[in-house]
Amino acid sequence: MGPTKMDEKSAARIAKSRGKSDSFAKRADMAARNNKDQKGDSSDGSWRKSDSDQKKNDSGQEK
């Protein structure tokens, strides 16, 4: 079984068992939020397009 990404349920379970002020519980909460944000952002793939488009646009401006 491979590694899985942190989700909100897992983060809540960690916070409940270790306490909300625990450093690992805080990191788990942040990871769950980041994974949730990435899941919504990656649906159109715009982050990949914008990076390559930016490089193309930058090279054209130098001339």
Protein backbone atom coordinates (compact mmCIF):
# COMPACT_ATOMS: atom_id res chain seq x y z
CA MET A 1 0.00 0.00 0.00
CA GLY A 2 1.49 3.32 -1.08
CA PRO A 3 1.48 6.63 0.74
CA THR A 4 -1.79 8.52 0.87
CA LYS A 5 -2.42 12.23 1.13
CA MET A 6 -3.71 13.70 4.35
CA ASP A 7 -7.44 14.37 4.34
CA GLU A 8 -9.66 16.27 6.75
CA LYS A 9 -10.91 13.15 8.53
CA SER A 10 -7.38 11.95 9.22
CA ALA A 11 -6.32 15.38 10.45
CA ALA A 12 -9.34 15.55 12.77
CA ARG A 13 -8.56 12.09 14.13
CA ILE A 14 -4.95 13.11 14.84
CA ALA A 15 -6.04 16.35 16.52
CA LYS A 16 -8.52 14.47 18.69
CA SER A 17 -5.96 11.94 19.88
CA ARG A 18 -2.95 14.25 20.27
CA GLY A 19 -4.62 17.57 21.03
CA LYS A 20 -5.13 20.57 18.77
CA SER A 21 -1.99 22.32 20.04
CA ASP A 22 0.30 19.39 19.13
CA SER A 23 2.80 20.24 16.38
CA PHE A 24 2.04 17.07 14.40
CA ALA A 25 -1.69 17.76 14.58
CA LYS A 26 -1.09 21.28 13.26
CA ARG A 27 1.02 19.97 10.37
CA ALA A 28 -1.63 17.36 9.57
CA ASP A 29 -4.28 20.08 9.45
CA MET A 30 -2.15 22.23 7.14
CA ALA A 31 -1.45 19.25 4.87
CA ALA A 32 -5.15 18.42 4.66
CA ARG A 33 -5.97 22.00 3.69
CA ASN A 34 -3.22 22.07 1.06
CA ASN A 35 -4.35 18.77 -0.42
CA LYS A 36 -7.94 20.01 -0.53
CA ASP A 37 -6.82 23.22 -2.28
CA GLN A 38 -4.68 21.33 -4.79
CA LYS A 39 -7.51 18.97 -5.63
CA GLY A 40 -9.71 21.93 -6.60
CA ASP A 41 -6.99 23.84 -8.44
CA SER A 42 -5.66 20.99 -10.53
CA SER A 43 -8.95 20.27 -12.27
CA ASP A 44 -8.16 22.59 -15.20
CA GLY A 45 -4.38 22.16 -15.16
CA SER A 46 -3.89 25.91 -15.43
CA TRP A 47 -0.88 25.95 -13.12
CA ARG A 48 1.08 23.86 -15.61
CA LYS A 49 0.05 25.96 -18.58
CA SER A 50 0.79 29.28 -16.91
CA ASP A 51 4.35 28.32 -16.01
CA SER A 52 5.32 27.30 -19.55
CA ASP A 53 3.43 30.22 -21.09
CA GLN A 54 5.23 32.63 -18.80
CA LYS A 55 8.63 31.33 -19.94
CA LYS A 56 7.61 31.71 -23.59
CA ASN A 57 6.39 35.25 -23.00
CA ASP A 58 9.54 36.23 -21.10
CA SER A 59 11.85 35.04 -23.88
CA GLY A 60 9.99 37.13 -26.43
CA GLN A 61 10.30 40.33 -24.40
CA GLU A 62 14.10 40.20 -24.19
CA LYS A 63 14.57 40.90 -27.92
